[in-house]
Amino acid sequence: MRLSSEEARRRFAASRSAVLGTADAEGRPHLVPVTFAAVHGNVLIAIDDKPKQTADLKRLRNIAANPLVSLLADRYDDDWTRLWWARADGVARIVAEPGALPSGLLTELRGRYPHYADNAPAGPFVVVAVERWSGWSFAA
């Protein structure tokens, strides 16, 4: 059953993680799991201090070349009556420093994840202005 925009947004926002889909200038897709905060029509993703092979991340290069992104949160269960997914499609921008973020986003992100409570991410950040919420659920 198709989810309403509001129900898709609610399920997405309550999810603990999502998958960020970006595409490069040639349209080649790239997927990466992310933690996030969803506040009103924005989704915030921090590039945090977890070990990475490089600071030159593909997701950031892709957003610079093509800011159209999708985020997907879902629930899988062997009892298929519990299946659902929720998607946020929008336009992403890279924000270098916390002080340049829209109000409330970083506070919400830090409140969602214990790691961020003690280790505030310094950036960069990805802010997605969501243009469309959609989703599906096996049952209401």
N, C-alpha and C. Protein backbone atom coordinates (compact mmCIF):
# COMPACT_ATOMS: atom_id res chain seq x y z
N MET A 1 0.84 -1.17 0.00
CA MET A 1 0.00 0.00 0.00
C MET A 1 0.89 1.24 0.00
N ARG A 2 0.54 2.18 -0.81
CA ARG A 2 1.30 3.42 -0.91
C ARG A 2 1.13 4.23 0.37
N LEU A 3 2.24 4.78 0.86
CA LEU A 3 2.18 5.63 2.06
C LEU A 3 1.91 7.07 1.66
N SER A 4 1.18 7.78 2.50
CA SER A 4 1.02 9.22 2.28
C SER A 4 2.37 9.89 2.46
N SER A 5 2.48 11.07 1.95
CA SER A 5 3.71 11.85 2.09
C SER A 5 4.07 12.01 3.57
N GLU A 6 3.08 12.33 4.38
CA GLU A 6 3.32 12.56 5.81
C GLU A 6 3.74 11.26 6.51
N GLU A 7 3.12 10.14 6.18
CA GLU A 7 3.48 8.87 6.80
C GLU A 7 4.88 8.43 6.35
N ALA A 8 5.21 8.65 5.09
CA ALA A 8 6.56 8.33 4.61
C ALA A 8 7.59 9.18 5.36
N ARG A 9 7.31 10.46 5.53
CA ARG A 9 8.23 11.35 6.26
C ARG A 9 8.37 10.89 7.71
N ARG A 10 7.26 10.51 8.35
CA ARG A 10 7.30 10.08 9.74
C ARG A 10 8.14 8.81 9.90
N ARG A 11 7.92 7.83 9.04
CA ARG A 11 8.69 6.58 9.14
C ARG A 11 10.16 6.81 8.83
N PHE A 12 10.43 7.62 7.83
CA PHE A 12 11.81 7.93 7.49
C PHE A 12 12.50 8.58 8.67
N ALA A 13 11.89 9.61 9.24
CA ALA A 13 12.50 10.37 10.33
C ALA A 13 12.76 9.51 11.56
N ALA A 14 11.93 8.49 11.79
CA ALA A 14 12.09 7.62 12.95
C ALA A 14 13.14 6.54 12.74
N SER A 15 13.54 6.31 11.51
CA SER A 15 14.52 5.27 11.19
C SER A 15 15.90 5.64 11.75
N ARG A 16 16.68 4.66 12.12
CA ARG A 16 18.01 4.91 12.70
C ARG A 16 19.07 5.15 11.64
N SER A 17 18.86 4.65 10.43
CA SER A 17 19.82 4.87 9.35
C SER A 17 19.08 4.87 8.02
N ALA A 18 19.79 5.31 7.00
CA ALA A 18 19.23 5.34 5.65
C ALA A 18 20.37 5.07 4.68
N VAL A 19 20.03 4.96 3.42
CA VAL A 19 21.03 4.83 2.36
C VAL A 19 20.91 6.08 1.49
N LEU A 20 22.04 6.75 1.30
CA LEU A 20 22.10 7.94 0.46
C LEU A 20 22.49 7.52 -0.95
N GLY A 21 21.67 7.91 -1.91
CA GLY A 21 21.97 7.65 -3.32
C GLY A 21 22.33 8.93 -4.02
N THR A 22 23.52 8.94 -4.61
CA THR A 22 23.98 10.07 -5.40
C THR A 22 24.35 9.54 -6.79
N ALA A 23 24.57 10.45 -7.72
CA ALA A 23 25.05 10.07 -9.05
C ALA A 23 26.08 11.10 -9.49
N ASP A 24 27.09 10.62 -10.20
CA ASP A 24 28.11 11.55 -10.67
C ASP A 24 27.61 12.30 -11.90
N ALA A 25 28.47 13.14 -12.48
CA ALA A 25 28.07 13.96 -13.62
C ALA A 25 27.63 13.12 -14.82
N GLU A 26 28.13 11.89 -14.93
CA GLU A 26 27.74 11.00 -16.03
C GLU A 26 26.53 10.13 -15.67
N GLY A 27 26.01 10.29 -14.47
CA GLY A 27 24.83 9.54 -14.05
C GLY A 27 25.11 8.20 -13.40
N ARG A 28 26.39 7.88 -13.13
CA ARG A 28 26.72 6.62 -12.46
C ARG A 28 26.31 6.71 -11.00
N PRO A 29 25.50 5.75 -10.51
CA PRO A 29 25.00 5.81 -9.13
C PRO A 29 26.05 5.40 -8.11
N HIS A 30 25.84 5.89 -6.90
CA HIS A 30 26.71 5.58 -5.76
C HIS A 30 25.82 5.55 -4.53
N LEU A 31 25.91 4.47 -3.74
CA LEU A 31 25.10 4.31 -2.53
C LEU A 31 26.01 4.19 -1.32
N VAL A 32 25.59 4.80 -0.20
CA VAL A 32 26.34 4.70 1.04
C VAL A 32 25.37 4.81 2.22
N PRO A 33 25.54 3.95 3.24
CA PRO A 33 24.68 4.08 4.43
C PRO A 33 25.06 5.33 5.22
N VAL A 34 24.05 5.97 5.82
CA VAL A 34 24.28 7.20 6.57
C VAL A 34 23.42 7.24 7.82
N THR A 35 23.89 8.00 8.80
CA THR A 35 23.06 8.43 9.91
C THR A 35 22.59 9.84 9.55
N PHE A 36 21.48 10.26 10.15
CA PHE A 36 20.88 11.52 9.70
C PHE A 36 19.93 12.06 10.75
N ALA A 37 19.51 13.29 10.53
CA ALA A 37 18.40 13.90 11.26
C ALA A 37 17.48 14.53 10.22
N ALA A 38 16.19 14.31 10.37
CA ALA A 38 15.20 14.90 9.49
C ALA A 38 14.40 15.92 10.30
N VAL A 39 14.47 17.17 9.89
CA VAL A 39 13.75 18.25 10.56
C VAL A 39 12.98 19.02 9.50
N HIS A 40 11.67 19.00 9.64
CA HIS A 40 10.78 19.66 8.67
C HIS A 40 11.12 19.14 7.28
N GLY A 41 11.52 19.98 6.38
CA GLY A 41 11.81 19.56 5.01
C GLY A 41 13.26 19.34 4.71
N ASN A 42 14.10 19.25 5.74
CA ASN A 42 15.54 19.05 5.53
C ASN A 42 16.01 17.75 6.17
N VAL A 43 17.01 17.15 5.55
CA VAL A 43 17.71 16.00 6.13
C VAL A 43 19.18 16.40 6.24
N LEU A 44 19.75 16.20 7.44
CA LEU A 44 21.16 16.52 7.69
C LEU A 44 21.96 15.23 7.81
N ILE A 45 23.08 15.18 7.11
CA ILE A 45 24.03 14.08 7.18
C ILE A 45 25.39 14.69 7.49
N ALA A 46 26.06 14.16 8.50
CA ALA A 46 27.39 14.66 8.85
C ALA A 46 28.47 13.75 8.27
N ILE A 47 29.52 14.34 7.80
CA ILE A 47 30.73 13.59 7.46
C ILE A 47 31.53 13.64 8.75
N ASP A 48 31.53 12.53 9.48
CA ASP A 48 32.05 12.55 10.84
C ASP A 48 33.45 11.98 10.94
N ASP A 49 33.87 11.70 12.17
CA ASP A 49 35.24 11.29 12.42
C ASP A 49 35.48 9.78 12.36
N LYS A 50 34.47 9.01 11.89
CA LYS A 50 34.72 7.58 11.71
C LYS A 50 35.86 7.42 10.70
N PRO A 51 36.69 6.38 10.86
CA PRO A 51 37.81 6.20 9.92
C PRO A 51 37.33 6.06 8.47
N LYS A 52 38.00 6.79 7.60
CA LYS A 52 37.73 6.74 6.17
C LYS A 52 39.07 6.68 5.44
N GLN A 53 39.08 6.10 4.27
CA GLN A 53 40.34 5.98 3.52
C GLN A 53 40.82 7.33 3.02
N THR A 54 39.88 8.25 2.77
CA THR A 54 40.23 9.55 2.24
C THR A 54 39.19 10.58 2.67
N ALA A 55 39.58 11.84 2.67
CA ALA A 55 38.61 12.92 2.94
C ALA A 55 37.92 13.35 1.65
N ASP A 56 38.44 12.89 0.52
CA ASP A 56 37.87 13.21 -0.79
C ASP A 56 36.80 12.17 -1.11
N LEU A 57 35.65 12.31 -0.47
CA LEU A 57 34.61 11.30 -0.56
C LEU A 57 33.80 11.39 -1.85
N LYS A 58 33.52 10.23 -2.42
CA LYS A 58 32.74 10.14 -3.66
C LYS A 58 31.38 10.82 -3.52
N ARG A 59 30.71 10.63 -2.36
CA ARG A 59 29.39 11.24 -2.20
C ARG A 59 29.46 12.76 -2.29
N LEU A 60 30.52 13.36 -1.75
CA LEU A 60 30.65 14.81 -1.82
C LEU A 60 30.99 15.27 -3.23
N ARG A 61 31.84 14.54 -3.92
CA ARG A 61 32.16 14.88 -5.32
C ARG A 61 30.90 14.76 -6.18
N ASN A 62 30.11 13.72 -5.94
CA ASN A 62 28.88 13.54 -6.72
C ASN A 62 27.91 14.69 -6.48
N ILE A 63 27.72 15.07 -5.22
CA ILE A 63 26.79 16.16 -4.91
C ILE A 63 27.24 17.46 -5.56
N ALA A 64 28.55 17.72 -5.55
CA ALA A 64 29.07 18.93 -6.20
C ALA A 64 28.77 18.92 -7.70
N ALA A 65 28.80 17.74 -8.32
CA ALA A 65 28.56 17.63 -9.75
C ALA A 65 27.08 17.51 -10.09
N ASN A 66 26.30 16.90 -9.19
CA ASN A 66 24.89 16.61 -9.44
C ASN A 66 24.17 16.59 -8.10
N PRO A 67 23.52 17.67 -7.71
CA PRO A 67 22.94 17.77 -6.37
C PRO A 67 21.64 17.00 -6.15
N LEU A 68 21.10 16.34 -7.18
CA LEU A 68 19.87 15.58 -7.01
C LEU A 68 20.19 14.25 -6.32
N VAL A 69 19.54 13.98 -5.18
CA VAL A 69 19.83 12.79 -4.38
C VAL A 69 18.53 12.11 -3.94
N SER A 70 18.68 10.87 -3.50
CA SER A 70 17.59 10.14 -2.85
C SER A 70 18.14 9.51 -1.59
N LEU A 71 17.30 9.44 -0.58
CA LEU A 71 17.61 8.73 0.66
C LEU A 71 16.53 7.68 0.86
N LEU A 72 16.92 6.48 1.27
CA LEU A 72 15.97 5.40 1.47
C LEU A 72 16.15 4.79 2.86
N ALA A 73 15.06 4.72 3.60
CA ALA A 73 15.01 4.01 4.88
C ALA A 73 14.01 2.88 4.71
N ASP A 74 14.27 1.75 5.37
CA ASP A 74 13.34 0.64 5.21
C ASP A 74 13.35 -0.26 6.43
N ARG A 75 12.36 -1.12 6.45
CA ARG A 75 12.29 -2.16 7.46
C ARG A 75 12.08 -3.48 6.74
N TYR A 76 13.01 -4.39 6.99
CA TYR A 76 12.84 -5.75 6.49
C TYR A 76 12.50 -6.64 7.67
N ASP A 77 11.62 -7.60 7.42
CA ASP A 77 11.25 -8.58 8.43
C ASP A 77 10.88 -9.86 7.68
N ASP A 78 11.21 -11.00 8.25
CA ASP A 78 10.80 -12.27 7.63
C ASP A 78 9.29 -12.40 7.57
N ASP A 79 8.60 -11.70 8.46
CA ASP A 79 7.14 -11.59 8.37
C ASP A 79 6.85 -10.44 7.41
N TRP A 80 6.57 -10.76 6.18
CA TRP A 80 6.46 -9.73 5.16
C TRP A 80 5.32 -8.75 5.38
N THR A 81 4.41 -9.03 6.29
CA THR A 81 3.35 -8.07 6.57
C THR A 81 3.92 -6.85 7.30
N ARG A 82 5.17 -6.91 7.75
CA ARG A 82 5.81 -5.79 8.45
C ARG A 82 6.75 -4.97 7.56
N LEU A 83 6.85 -5.31 6.30
CA LEU A 83 7.76 -4.61 5.39
C LEU A 83 7.27 -3.19 5.09
N TRP A 84 8.24 -2.27 4.98
CA TRP A 84 7.94 -0.93 4.50
C TRP A 84 9.22 -0.26 4.03
N TRP A 85 9.08 0.76 3.21
CA TRP A 85 10.19 1.63 2.84
C TRP A 85 9.67 3.05 2.71
N ALA A 86 10.59 4.00 2.94
CA ALA A 86 10.26 5.42 2.82
C ALA A 86 11.43 6.11 2.15
N ARG A 87 11.11 6.99 1.22
CA ARG A 87 12.17 7.66 0.45
C ARG A 87 12.00 9.17 0.49
N ALA A 88 13.14 9.85 0.55
CA ALA A 88 13.20 11.31 0.47
C ALA A 88 14.00 11.67 -0.77
N ASP A 89 13.38 12.36 -1.71
CA ASP A 89 14.07 12.83 -2.91
C ASP A 89 14.25 14.33 -2.78
N GLY A 90 15.44 14.82 -3.11
CA GLY A 90 15.64 16.25 -2.98
C GLY A 90 16.92 16.75 -3.59
N VAL A 91 17.25 17.96 -3.21
CA VAL A 91 18.44 18.65 -3.71
C VAL A 91 19.39 18.83 -2.53
N ALA A 92 20.62 18.34 -2.71
CA ALA A 92 21.62 18.40 -1.64
C ALA A 92 22.58 19.55 -1.85
N ARG A 93 23.09 20.02 -0.73
CA ARG A 93 24.19 21.00 -0.78
C ARG A 93 25.17 20.65 0.32
N ILE A 94 26.40 21.01 0.11
CA ILE A 94 27.46 20.75 1.08
C ILE A 94 27.66 22.00 1.90
N VAL A 95 27.67 21.83 3.21
CA VAL A 95 27.89 22.92 4.15
C VAL A 95 29.17 22.60 4.90
N ALA A 96 30.12 23.51 4.87
CA ALA A 96 31.46 23.24 5.42
C ALA A 96 31.50 23.24 6.94
N GLU A 97 30.77 24.15 7.58
CA GLU A 97 30.91 24.33 9.03
C GLU A 97 29.56 24.30 9.74
N PRO A 98 29.55 23.87 11.01
CA PRO A 98 28.28 23.78 11.76
C PRO A 98 27.52 25.10 11.85
N GLY A 99 28.23 26.22 11.96
CA GLY A 99 27.58 27.52 12.11
C GLY A 99 26.76 27.94 10.91
N ALA A 100 26.98 27.31 9.76
CA ALA A 100 26.25 27.65 8.55
C ALA A 100 25.03 26.75 8.32
N LEU A 101 24.75 25.84 9.25
CA LEU A 101 23.62 24.93 9.10
C LEU A 101 22.30 25.60 9.45
N PRO A 102 21.21 25.16 8.82
CA PRO A 102 19.89 25.66 9.23
C PRO A 102 19.64 25.37 10.71
N SER A 103 18.93 26.23 11.36
CA SER A 103 18.68 26.15 12.80
C SER A 103 18.06 24.80 13.20
N GLY A 104 18.59 24.23 14.27
CA GLY A 104 18.03 23.03 14.86
C GLY A 104 18.52 21.71 14.30
N LEU A 105 19.12 21.71 13.12
CA LEU A 105 19.51 20.45 12.50
C LEU A 105 20.62 19.73 13.27
N LEU A 106 21.67 20.44 13.63
CA LEU A 106 22.78 19.79 14.33
C LEU A 106 22.34 19.32 15.72
N THR A 107 21.53 20.11 16.41
CA THR A 107 21.02 19.71 17.72
C THR A 107 20.22 18.41 17.61
N GLU A 108 19.39 18.31 16.60
CA GLU A 108 18.59 17.10 16.37
C GLU A 108 19.50 15.91 16.07
N LEU A 109 20.50 16.10 15.23
CA LEU A 109 21.43 15.02 14.90
C LEU A 109 22.16 14.53 16.14
N ARG A 110 22.66 15.46 16.94
CA ARG A 110 23.40 15.09 18.16
C ARG A 110 22.50 14.37 19.16
N GLY A 111 21.22 14.70 19.18
CA GLY A 111 20.29 14.05 20.09
C GLY A 111 19.89 12.64 19.66
N ARG A 112 20.06 12.32 18.39
CA ARG A 112 19.66 11.01 17.86
C ARG A 112 20.70 9.91 18.09
N TYR A 113 21.97 10.29 18.18
CA TYR A 113 23.04 9.29 18.22
C TYR A 113 23.98 9.57 19.38
N PRO A 114 24.15 8.60 20.29
CA PRO A 114 25.03 8.79 21.45
C PRO A 114 26.45 9.23 21.07
N HIS A 115 26.98 8.71 19.98
CA HIS A 115 28.34 9.10 19.58
C HIS A 115 28.45 10.60 19.35
N TYR A 116 27.44 11.18 18.75
CA TYR A 116 27.47 12.62 18.47
C TYR A 116 27.24 13.48 19.71
N ALA A 117 26.63 12.93 20.74
CA ALA A 117 26.42 13.70 21.97
C ALA A 117 27.75 14.13 22.57
N ASP A 118 28.73 13.23 22.51
CA ASP A 118 30.06 13.52 23.07
C ASP A 118 31.06 13.99 22.03
N ASN A 119 30.78 13.77 20.75
CA ASN A 119 31.71 14.10 19.67
C ASN A 119 30.96 14.85 18.57
N ALA A 120 30.71 16.12 18.81
CA ALA A 120 29.97 16.90 17.82
C ALA A 120 30.71 16.91 16.49
N PRO A 121 30.03 16.53 15.40
CA PRO A 121 30.71 16.55 14.11
C PRO A 121 31.05 17.98 13.71
N ALA A 122 32.23 18.13 13.12
CA ALA A 122 32.71 19.45 12.71
C ALA A 122 32.44 19.74 11.24
N GLY A 123 32.00 18.73 10.51
CA GLY A 123 31.70 18.91 9.10
C GLY A 123 32.79 18.33 8.23
N PRO A 124 32.58 18.35 6.96
CA PRO A 124 31.46 18.97 6.28
C PRO A 124 30.15 18.21 6.52
N PHE A 125 29.07 18.84 6.07
CA PHE A 125 27.73 18.30 6.22
C PHE A 125 27.04 18.28 4.86
N VAL A 126 26.09 17.40 4.73
CA VAL A 126 25.21 17.39 3.57
C VAL A 126 23.82 17.75 4.08
N VAL A 127 23.23 18.77 3.48
CA VAL A 127 21.85 19.16 3.80
C VAL A 127 21.01 18.92 2.55
N VAL A 128 20.00 18.08 2.73
CA VAL A 128 19.10 17.77 1.62
C VAL A 128 17.78 18.50 1.84
N ALA A 129 17.43 19.35 0.89
CA ALA A 129 16.11 19.99 0.89
C ALA A 129 15.17 19.01 0.20
N VAL A 130 14.31 18.36 0.97
CA VAL A 130 13.45 17.31 0.44
C VAL A 130 12.32 17.92 -0.38
N GLU A 131 12.19 17.44 -1.61
CA GLU A 131 11.12 17.90 -2.50
C GLU A 131 9.97 16.91 -2.55
N ARG A 132 10.25 15.64 -2.21
CA ARG A 132 9.21 14.62 -2.29
C ARG A 132 9.47 13.50 -1.28
N TRP A 133 8.45 13.17 -0.49
CA TRP A 133 8.46 12.02 0.39
C TRP A 133 7.55 10.97 -0.23
N SER A 134 8.01 9.73 -0.29
CA SER A 134 7.17 8.65 -0.80
C SER A 134 7.49 7.37 -0.05
N GLY A 135 6.61 6.39 -0.19
CA GLY A 135 6.87 5.14 0.49
C GLY A 135 5.82 4.09 0.21
N TRP A 136 6.07 2.91 0.76
CA TRP A 136 5.21 1.76 0.57
C TRP A 136 5.23 0.93 1.85
N SER A 137 4.14 0.29 2.15
CA SER A 137 4.05 -0.62 3.28
C SER A 137 3.17 -1.78 2.88
N PHE A 138 3.51 -2.99 3.37
CA PHE A 138 2.69 -4.15 3.09
C PHE A 138 1.29 -3.93 3.66
N ALA A 139 1.24 -3.38 4.87
CA ALA A 139 -0.04 -3.16 5.53
C ALA A 139 -0.07 -1.76 6.13
N ALA A 140 -1.24 -1.26 6.44
CA ALA A 140 -1.39 0.08 7.00
C ALA A 140 -0.76 0.18 8.37
